[in-house]
């Protein structure tokens, strides 16, 4: 019969290994989980973290481009305001 593990259990087990609290082999033995199963949980968590980091990097690049565009617009508006504020009779 195949054992079912909760997501919380999988997360906790993977975190122990990723954070270096115990080796994968030790965690496997202590938790009564096959080493290959535990390693798949660790891999899945690491892949998920990498995907989140990639998404955050994309968002930062997009926001930086927006900041650059807004600064350029602000500078143009400052120059236009200065030009129109001059009193030339």
PDB file of N, CA and C in Angstrom:
ATOM      1  N   UNK A   1       0.837  -1.172   0.000  1.00  0.00           N
ATOM      2  CA  UNK A   1       0.000   0.000   0.000  1.00  0.00           C
ATOM      3  C   UNK A   1       0.890   1.246   0.000  1.00  0.00           C
ATOM      4  N   UNK A   2       0.530   2.195  -0.826  1.00  0.00           N
ATOM      5  CA  UNK A   2       1.315   3.410  -0.998  1.00  0.00           C
ATOM      6  C   UNK A   2       0.953   4.441   0.067  1.00  0.00           C
ATOM      7  N   UNK A   3       1.968   5.000   0.725  1.00  0.00           N
ATOM      8  CA  UNK A   3       1.723   6.007   1.756  1.00  0.00           C
ATOM      9  C   UNK A   3       1.446   7.357   1.121  1.00  0.00           C
ATOM     10  N   UNK A   4       0.545   8.107   1.735  1.00  0.00           N
ATOM     11  CA  UNK A   4       0.233   9.464   1.287  1.00  0.00           C
ATOM     12  C   UNK A   4       0.775  10.433   2.329  1.00  0.00           C
ATOM     13  N   UNK A   5       1.427  11.478   1.872  1.00  0.00           N
ATOM     14  CA  UNK A   5       1.987  12.476   2.768  1.00  0.00           C
ATOM     15  C   UNK A   5       1.302  13.810   2.510  1.00  0.00           C
ATOM     16  N   UNK A   6       1.116  14.571   3.577  1.00  0.00           N
ATOM     17  CA  UNK A   6       0.504  15.893   3.418  1.00  0.00           C
ATOM     18  C   UNK A   6       1.525  16.840   2.787  1.00  0.00           C
ATOM     19  N   UNK A   7       1.021  17.896   2.189  1.00  0.00           N
ATOM     20  CA  UNK A   7       1.907  18.894   1.603  1.00  0.00           C
ATOM     21  C   UNK A   7       2.777  19.547   2.678  1.00  0.00           C
ATOM     22  N   UNK A   8       2.219  19.725   3.863  1.00  0.00           N
ATOM     23  CA  UNK A   8       2.984  20.316   4.965  1.00  0.00           C
ATOM     24  C   UNK A   8       4.161  19.409   5.348  1.00  0.00           C
ATOM     25  N   UNK A   9       3.919  18.110   5.372  1.00  0.00           N
ATOM     26  CA  UNK A   9       4.970  17.156   5.702  1.00  0.00           C
ATOM     27  C   UNK A   9       6.068  17.209   4.646  1.00  0.00           C
ATOM     28  N   UNK A  10       5.669  17.209   3.374  1.00  0.00           N
ATOM     29  CA  UNK A  10       6.640  17.256   2.278  1.00  0.00           C
ATOM     30  C   UNK A  10       7.466  18.536   2.344  1.00  0.00           C
ATOM     31  N   UNK A  11       6.777  19.639   2.585  1.00  0.00           N
ATOM     32  CA  UNK A  11       7.441  20.941   2.674  1.00  0.00           C
ATOM     33  C   UNK A  11       8.452  20.958   3.823  1.00  0.00           C
ATOM     34  N   UNK A  12       8.043  20.476   4.957  1.00  0.00           N
ATOM     35  CA  UNK A  12       8.907  20.454   6.138  1.00  0.00           C
ATOM     36  C   UNK A  12      10.129  19.560   5.914  1.00  0.00           C
ATOM     37  N   UNK A  13       9.905  18.400   5.346  1.00  0.00           N
ATOM     38  CA  UNK A  13      11.006  17.467   5.084  1.00  0.00           C
ATOM     39  C   UNK A  13      11.996  18.074   4.090  1.00  0.00           C
ATOM     40  N   UNK A  14      11.483  18.661   3.024  1.00  0.00           N
ATOM     41  CA  UNK A  14      12.354  19.272   2.015  1.00  0.00           C
ATOM     42  C   UNK A  14      13.123  20.447   2.613  1.00  0.00           C
ATOM     43  N   UNK A  15      12.452  21.253   3.414  1.00  0.00           N
ATOM     44  CA  UNK A  15      13.096  22.418   4.022  1.00  0.00           C
ATOM     45  C   UNK A  15      14.256  21.992   4.918  1.00  0.00           C
ATOM     46  N   UNK A  16      14.085  20.890   5.674  1.00  0.00           N
ATOM     47  CA  UNK A  16      15.160  20.395   6.547  1.00  0.00           C
ATOM     48  C   UNK A  16      16.417  20.110   5.736  1.00  0.00           C
ATOM     49  N   UNK A  17      16.226  19.515   4.572  1.00  0.00           N
ATOM     50  CA  UNK A  17      17.368  19.159   3.726  1.00  0.00           C
ATOM     51  C   UNK A  17      17.958  20.400   3.075  1.00  0.00           C
ATOM     52  N   UNK A  18      17.102  21.260   2.528  1.00  0.00           N
ATOM     53  CA  UNK A  18      17.574  22.460   1.827  1.00  0.00           C
ATOM     54  C   UNK A  18      18.334  23.386   2.769  1.00  0.00           C
ATOM     55  N   UNK A  19      17.834  23.541   3.979  1.00  0.00           N
ATOM     56  CA  UNK A  19      18.483  24.431   4.944  1.00  0.00           C
ATOM     57  C   UNK A  19      19.720  23.796   5.578  1.00  0.00           C
ATOM     58  N   UNK A  20      19.992  22.538   5.260  1.00  0.00           N
ATOM     59  CA  UNK A  20      21.198  21.871   5.739  1.00  0.00           C
ATOM     60  C   UNK A  20      21.129  21.398   7.177  1.00  0.00           C
ATOM     61  N   UNK A  21      19.933  21.298   7.719  1.00  0.00           N
ATOM     62  CA  UNK A  21      19.805  20.817   9.103  1.00  0.00           C
ATOM     63  C   UNK A  21      20.206  19.356   9.211  1.00  0.00           C
ATOM     64  N   UNK A  22      19.861  18.578   8.198  1.00  0.00           N
ATOM     65  CA  UNK A  22      20.250  17.160   8.121  1.00  0.00           C
ATOM     66  C   UNK A  22      20.488  16.819   6.661  1.00  0.00           C
ATOM     67  N   UNK A  23      21.223  15.753   6.438  1.00  0.00           N
ATOM     68  CA  UNK A  23      21.435  15.309   5.058  1.00  0.00           C
ATOM     69  C   UNK A  23      20.154  14.646   4.548  1.00  0.00           C
ATOM     70  N   UNK A  24      20.047  14.521   3.266  1.00  0.00           N
ATOM     71  CA  UNK A  24      18.878  13.874   2.677  1.00  0.00           C
ATOM     72  C   UNK A  24      18.781  12.431   3.160  1.00  0.00           C
ATOM     73  N   UNK A  25      19.910  11.771   3.257  1.00  0.00           N
ATOM     74  CA  UNK A  25      19.933  10.375   3.699  1.00  0.00           C
ATOM     75  C   UNK A  25      19.440  10.260   5.148  1.00  0.00           C
ATOM     76  N   UNK A  26      19.905  11.175   6.024  1.00  0.00           N
ATOM     77  CA  UNK A  26      19.469  11.156   7.427  1.00  0.00           C
ATOM     78  C   UNK A  26      17.970  11.458   7.545  1.00  0.00           C
ATOM     79  N   UNK A  27      17.529  12.473   6.819  1.00  0.00           N
ATOM     80  CA  UNK A  27      16.107  12.836   6.875  1.00  0.00           C
ATOM     81  C   UNK A  27      15.254  11.680   6.386  1.00  0.00           C
ATOM     82  N   UNK A  28      15.702  11.035   5.326  1.00  0.00           N
ATOM     83  CA  UNK A  28      14.973   9.900   4.777  1.00  0.00           C
ATOM     84  C   UNK A  28      14.821   8.800   5.820  1.00  0.00           C
ATOM     85  N   UNK A  29      15.910   8.492   6.485  1.00  0.00           N
ATOM     86  CA  UNK A  29      15.880   7.428   7.504  1.00  0.00           C
ATOM     87  C   UNK A  29      15.030   7.839   8.704  1.00  0.00           C
ATOM     88  N   UNK A  30      15.199   9.080   9.161  1.00  0.00           N
ATOM     89  CA  UNK A  30      14.465   9.550  10.346  1.00  0.00           C
ATOM     90  C   UNK A  30      12.958   9.652  10.101  1.00  0.00           C
ATOM     91  N   UNK A  31      12.580  10.024   8.887  1.00  0.00           N
ATOM     92  CA  UNK A  31      11.162  10.232   8.579  1.00  0.00           C
ATOM     93  C   UNK A  31      10.478   8.983   8.018  1.00  0.00           C
ATOM     94  N   UNK A  32      11.277   7.981   7.664  1.00  0.00           N
ATOM     95  CA  UNK A  32      10.694   6.772   7.095  1.00  0.00           C
ATOM     96  C   UNK A  32      10.192   6.969   5.677  1.00  0.00           C
ATOM     97  N   UNK A  33      10.912   7.801   4.934  1.00  0.00           N
ATOM     98  CA  UNK A  33      10.546   8.111   3.547  1.00  0.00           C
ATOM     99  C   UNK A  33      11.674   7.625   2.651  1.00  0.00           C
ATOM    100  N   UNK A  34      11.334   7.064   1.502  1.00  0.00           N
ATOM    101  CA  UNK A  34      12.362   6.631   0.565  1.00  0.00           C
ATOM    102  C   UNK A  34      13.206   7.831   0.153  1.00  0.00           C
ATOM    103  N   UNK A  35      14.495   7.608   0.018  1.00  0.00           N
ATOM    104  CA  UNK A  35      15.418   8.677  -0.348  1.00  0.00           C
ATOM    105  C   UNK A  35      15.014   9.321  -1.667  1.00  0.00           C
ATOM    106  N   UNK A  36      14.660   8.521  -2.649  1.00  0.00           N
ATOM    107  CA  UNK A  36      14.285   9.069  -3.962  1.00  0.00           C
ATOM    108  C   UNK A  36      13.044   9.955  -3.855  1.00  0.00           C
ATOM    109  N   UNK A  37      12.115   9.576  -2.995  1.00  0.00           N
ATOM    110  CA  UNK A  37      10.905  10.382  -2.794  1.00  0.00           C
ATOM    111  C   UNK A  37      11.264  11.720  -2.176  1.00  0.00           C
ATOM    112  N   UNK A  38      12.081  11.673  -1.129  1.00  0.00           N
ATOM    113  CA  UNK A  38      12.494  12.906  -0.461  1.00  0.00           C
ATOM    114  C   UNK A  38      13.252  13.811  -1.425  1.00  0.00           C
ATOM    115  N   UNK A  39      14.142  13.259  -2.215  1.00  0.00           N
ATOM    116  CA  UNK A  39      14.904  14.060  -3.170  1.00  0.00           C
ATOM    117  C   UNK A  39      13.999  14.696  -4.218  1.00  0.00           C
ATOM    118  N   UNK A  40      12.927  14.011  -4.591  1.00  0.00           N
ATOM    119  CA  UNK A  40      11.996  14.614  -5.552  1.00  0.00           C
ATOM    120  C   UNK A  40      11.267  15.807  -4.920  1.00  0.00           C
ATOM    121  N   UNK A  41      10.956  15.716  -3.629  1.00  0.00           N
ATOM    122  CA  UNK A  41      10.324  16.844  -2.935  1.00  0.00           C
ATOM    123  C   UNK A  41      11.290  18.034  -2.871  1.00  0.00           C
ATOM    124  N   UNK A  42      12.556  17.740  -2.582  1.00  0.00           N
ATOM    125  CA  UNK A  42      13.574  18.796  -2.514  1.00  0.00           C
ATOM    126  C   UNK A  42      13.728  19.453  -3.878  1.00  0.00           C
ATOM    127  N   UNK A  43      13.824  18.652  -4.914  1.00  0.00           N
ATOM    128  CA  UNK A  43      13.989  19.175  -6.279  1.00  0.00           C
ATOM    129  C   UNK A  43      12.801  20.040  -6.678  1.00  0.00           C
ATOM    130  N   UNK A  44      11.598  19.565  -6.376  1.00  0.00           N
ATOM    131  CA  UNK A  44      10.392  20.309  -6.719  1.00  0.00           C
ATOM    132  C   UNK A  44      10.376  21.668  -6.016  1.00  0.00           C
ATOM    133  N   UNK A  45      10.756  21.670  -4.743  1.00  0.00           N
ATOM    134  CA  UNK A  45      10.770  22.930  -3.983  1.00  0.00           C
ATOM    135  C   UNK A  45      11.816  23.882  -4.549  1.00  0.00           C
ATOM    136  N   UNK A  46      12.990  23.373  -4.852  1.00  0.00           N
ATOM    137  CA  UNK A  46      14.047  24.229  -5.427  1.00  0.00           C
ATOM    138  C   UNK A  46      13.625  24.779  -6.783  1.00  0.00           C
ATOM    139  N   UNK A  47      12.995  23.945  -7.603  1.00  0.00           N
ATOM    140  CA  UNK A  47      12.516  24.414  -8.904  1.00  0.00           C
ATOM    141  C   UNK A  47      11.465  25.501  -8.733  1.00  0.00           C
ATOM    142  N   UNK A  48      10.588  25.320  -7.760  1.00  0.00           N
ATOM    143  CA  UNK A  48       9.553  26.320  -7.488  1.00  0.00           C
ATOM    144  C   UNK A  48      10.161  27.635  -7.038  1.00  0.00           C
ATOM    145  N   UNK A  49      11.183  27.565  -6.189  1.00  0.00           N
ATOM    146  CA  UNK A  49      11.853  28.782  -5.725  1.00  0.00           C
ATOM    147  C   UNK A  49      12.547  29.481  -6.883  1.00  0.00           C
ATOM    148  N   UNK A  50      13.157  28.709  -7.770  1.00  0.00           N
ATOM    149  CA  UNK A  50      13.836  29.300  -8.928  1.00  0.00           C
ATOM    150  C   UNK A  50      12.832  29.997  -9.835  1.00  0.00           C
ATOM    151  N   UNK A  51      11.667  29.390 -10.021  1.00  0.00           N
ATOM    152  CA  UNK A  51      10.642  30.003 -10.858  1.00  0.00           C
ATOM    153  C   UNK A  51      10.153  31.315 -10.247  1.00  0.00           C
ATOM    154  N   UNK A  52       9.991  31.337  -8.946  1.00  0.00           N
ATOM    155  CA  UNK A  52       9.560  32.559  -8.262  1.00  0.00           C
ATOM    156  C   UNK A  52      10.619  33.641  -8.423  1.00  0.00           C
ATOM    157  N   UNK A  53      11.881  33.272  -8.259  1.00  0.00           N
ATOM    158  CA  UNK A  53      12.956  34.252  -8.404  1.00  0.00           C
ATOM    159  C   UNK A  53      13.018  34.795  -9.820  1.00  0.00           C
ATOM    160  N   UNK A  54      12.838  33.933 -10.825  1.00  0.00           N
ATOM    161  CA  UNK A  54      12.820  34.390 -12.215  1.00  0.00           C
ATOM    162  C   UNK A  54      11.681  35.375 -12.438  1.00  0.00           C
ATOM    163  N   UNK A  55      10.522  35.070 -11.880  1.00  0.00           N
ATOM    164  CA  UNK A  55       9.373  35.955 -12.017  1.00  0.00           C
ATOM    165  C   UNK A  55       9.648  37.302 -11.353  1.00  0.00           C
ATOM    166  N   UNK A  56      10.256  37.273 -10.184  1.00  0.00           N
ATOM    167  CA  UNK A  56      10.589  38.522  -9.489  1.00  0.00           C
ATOM    168  C   UNK A  56      11.594  39.340 -10.287  1.00  0.00           C
ATOM    169  N   UNK A  57      12.569  38.684 -10.886  1.00  0.00           N
ATOM    170  CA  UNK A  57      13.549  39.406 -11.717  1.00  0.00           C
ATOM    171  C   UNK A  57      12.864  40.073 -12.906  1.00  0.00           C
ATOM    172  N   UNK A  58      11.931  39.363 -13.537  1.00  0.00           N
ATOM    173  CA  UNK A  58      11.189  39.946 -14.664  1.00  0.00           C
ATOM    174  C   UNK A  58      10.395  41.168 -14.208  1.00  0.00           C
ATOM    175  N   UNK A  59       9.753  41.047 -13.057  1.00  0.00           N
ATOM    176  CA  UNK A  59       8.976  42.171 -12.534  1.00  0.00           C
ATOM    177  C   UNK A  59       9.863  43.367 -12.226  1.00  0.00           C
ATOM    178  N   UNK A  60      11.035  43.127 -11.664  1.00  0.00           N
ATOM    179  CA  UNK A  60      11.959  44.218 -11.351  1.00  0.00           C
ATOM    180  C   UNK A  60      12.412  44.907 -12.635  1.00  0.00           C
ATOM    181  N   UNK A  61      12.753  44.128 -13.660  1.00  0.00           N
ATOM    182  CA  UNK A  61      13.163  44.722 -14.943  1.00  0.00           C
ATOM    183  C   UNK A  61      12.043  45.562 -15.542  1.00  0.00           C
ATOM    184  N   UNK A  62      10.823  45.049 -15.470  1.00  0.00           N
ATOM    185  CA  UNK A  62       9.669  45.780 -16.009  1.00  0.00           C
ATOM    186  C   UNK A  62       9.449  47.081 -15.232  1.00  0.00           C
ATOM    187  N   UNK A  63       9.538  47.003 -13.911  1.00  0.00           N
ATOM    188  CA  UNK A  63       9.355  48.215 -13.096  1.00  0.00           C
ATOM    189  C   UNK A  63      10.468  49.223 -13.338  1.00  0.00           C
ATOM    190  N   UNK A  64      11.694  48.748 -13.515  1.00  0.00           N
ATOM    191  CA  UNK A  64      12.801  49.663 -13.777  1.00  0.00           C
ATOM    192  C   UNK A  64      12.600  50.377 -15.115  1.00  0.00           C
ATOM    193  N   UNK A  65      12.120  49.651 -16.106  1.00  0.00           N
ATOM    194  CA  UNK A  65      11.835  50.277 -17.402  1.00  0.00           C
ATOM    195  C   UNK A  65      10.744  51.335 -17.247  1.00  0.00           C
ATOM    196  N   UNK A  66       9.733  51.032 -16.446  1.00  0.00           N
ATOM    197  CA  UNK A  66       8.655  51.998 -16.198  1.00  0.00           C
ATOM    198  C   UNK A  66       9.193  53.226 -15.461  1.00  0.00           C
ATOM    199  N   UNK A  67      10.062  53.019 -14.490  1.00  0.00           N
ATOM    200  CA  UNK A  67      10.677  54.138 -13.757  1.00  0.00           C
ATOM    201  C   UNK A  67      11.478  55.014 -14.718  1.00  0.00           C
ATOM    202  N   UNK A  68      12.259  54.391 -15.584  1.00  0.00           N
ATOM    203  CA  UNK A  68      13.060  55.140 -16.551  1.00  0.00           C
ATOM    204  C   UNK A  68      12.169  55.963 -17.482  1.00  0.00           C
ATOM    205  N   UNK A  69      11.071  55.371 -17.928  1.00  0.00           N
ATOM    206  CA  UNK A  69      10.133  56.075 -18.810  1.00  0.00           C
ATOM    207  C   UNK A  69       9.504  57.254 -18.079  1.00  0.00           C
ATOM    208  N   UNK A  70       9.078  57.051 -16.843  1.00  0.00           N
ATOM    209  CA  UNK A  70       8.451  58.121 -16.074  1.00  0.00           C
ATOM    210  C   UNK A  70       9.435  59.259 -15.780  1.00  0.00           C
ATOM    211  N   UNK A  71      10.689  58.925 -15.510  1.00  0.00           N
ATOM    212  CA  UNK A  71      11.697  59.962 -15.288  1.00  0.00           C
ATOM    213  C   UNK A  71      11.898  60.793 -16.552  1.00  0.00           C
ATOM    214  N   UNK A  72      11.945  60.120 -17.695  1.00  0.00           N
ATOM    215  CA  UNK A  72      12.114  60.839 -18.958  1.00  0.00           C
ATOM    216  C   UNK A  72      10.920  61.773 -19.203  1.00  0.00           C
ATOM    217  N   UNK A  73       9.708  61.282 -18.946  1.00  0.00           N
ATOM    218  CA  UNK A  73       8.516  62.128 -19.112  1.00  0.00           C
ATOM    219  C   UNK A  73       8.562  63.317 -18.158  1.00  0.00           C
ATOM    220  N   UNK A  74       8.965  63.075 -16.911  1.00  0.00           N
ATOM    221  CA  UNK A  74       9.070  64.150 -15.923  1.00  0.00           C
ATOM    222  C   UNK A  74      10.055  65.219 -16.389  1.00  0.00           C
ATOM    223  N   UNK A  75      11.205  64.791 -16.902  1.00  0.00           N
ATOM    224  CA  UNK A  75      12.207  65.747 -17.364  1.00  0.00           C
ATOM    225  C   UNK A  75      11.685  66.579 -18.530  1.00  0.00           C
ATOM    226  N   UNK A  76      10.961  65.954 -19.435  1.00  0.00           N
ATOM    227  CA  UNK A  76      10.377  66.686 -20.562  1.00  0.00           C
ATOM    228  C   UNK A  76       9.372  67.714 -20.058  1.00  0.00           C
ATOM    229  N   UNK A  77       8.541  67.314 -19.106  1.00  0.00           N
ATOM    230  CA  UNK A  77       7.545  68.238 -18.560  1.00  0.00           C
ATOM    231  C   UNK A  77       8.205  69.397 -17.812  1.00  0.00           C
ATOM    232  N   UNK A  78       9.294  69.135 -17.095  1.00  0.00           N
ATOM    233  CA  UNK A  78      10.020  70.201 -16.404  1.00  0.00           C
ATOM    234  C   UNK A  78      10.547  71.224 -17.406  1.00  0.00           C
ATOM    235  N   UNK A  79      11.133  70.719 -18.487  1.00  0.00           N
ATOM    236  CA  UNK A  79      11.681  71.615 -19.510  1.00  0.00           C
ATOM    237  C   UNK A  79      10.561  72.410 -20.178  1.00  0.00           C
ATOM    238  N   UNK A  80       9.448  71.763 -20.451  1.00  0.00           N
ATOM    239  CA  UNK A  80       8.318  72.458 -21.072  1.00  0.00           C
ATOM    240  C   UNK A  80       7.763  73.519 -20.136  1.00  0.00           C
ATOM    241  N   UNK A  81       7.647  73.208 -18.865  1.00  0.00           N
ATOM    242  CA  UNK A  81       7.138  74.180 -17.889  1.00  0.00           C
ATOM    243  C   UNK A  81       8.079  75.369 -17.789  1.00  0.00           C
ATOM    244  N   UNK A  82       9.383  75.124 -17.786  1.00  0.00           N
ATOM    245  CA  UNK A  82      10.354  76.208 -17.719  1.00  0.00           C
ATOM    246  C   UNK A  82      10.275  77.067 -18.973  1.00  0.00           C
ATOM    247  N   UNK A  83      10.114  76.450 -20.106  1.00  0.00           N
ATOM    248  CA  UNK A  83      10.030  77.175 -21.373  1.00  0.00           C
ATOM    249  C   UNK A  83       8.802  78.085 -21.379  1.00  0.00           C
ATOM    250  N   UNK A  84       7.663  77.568 -21.005  1.00  0.00           N
ATOM    251  CA  UNK A  84       6.425  78.349 -21.020  1.00  0.00           C
ATOM    252  C   UNK A  84       6.332  79.356 -19.868  1.00  0.00           C
ATOM    253  N   UNK A  85       7.133  79.136 -18.832  1.00  0.00           N
ATOM    254  CA  UNK A  85       7.098  80.054 -17.686  1.00  0.00           C
ATOM    255  C   UNK A  85       7.932  81.318 -17.956  1.00  0.00           C
ATOM    256  N   UNK A  86       8.804  81.251 -18.958  1.00  0.00           N
ATOM    257  CA  UNK A  86       9.611  82.438 -19.281  1.00  0.00           C
ATOM    258  C   UNK A  86       8.701  83.557 -19.729  1.00  0.00           C
ATOM    259  N   UNK A  87       9.078  84.741 -19.329  1.00  0.00           N
ATOM    260  CA  UNK A  87       8.276  85.903 -19.716  1.00  0.00           C
ATOM    261  C   UNK A  87       8.959  86.608 -20.856  1.00  0.00           C
ATOM    262  N   UNK A  88       8.639  86.248 -22.034  1.00  0.00           N
ATOM    263  CA  UNK A  88       9.167  86.925 -23.233  1.00  0.00           C
ATOM    264  C   UNK A  88       8.062  87.807 -23.800  1.00  0.00           C
ATOM    265  N   UNK A  89       8.313  89.109 -23.794  1.00  0.00           N
ATOM    266  CA  UNK A  89       7.258  89.980 -24.345  1.00  0.00           C
ATOM    267  C   UNK A  89       7.175  89.953 -25.838  1.00  0.00           C
TER     268      UNK A  89
END
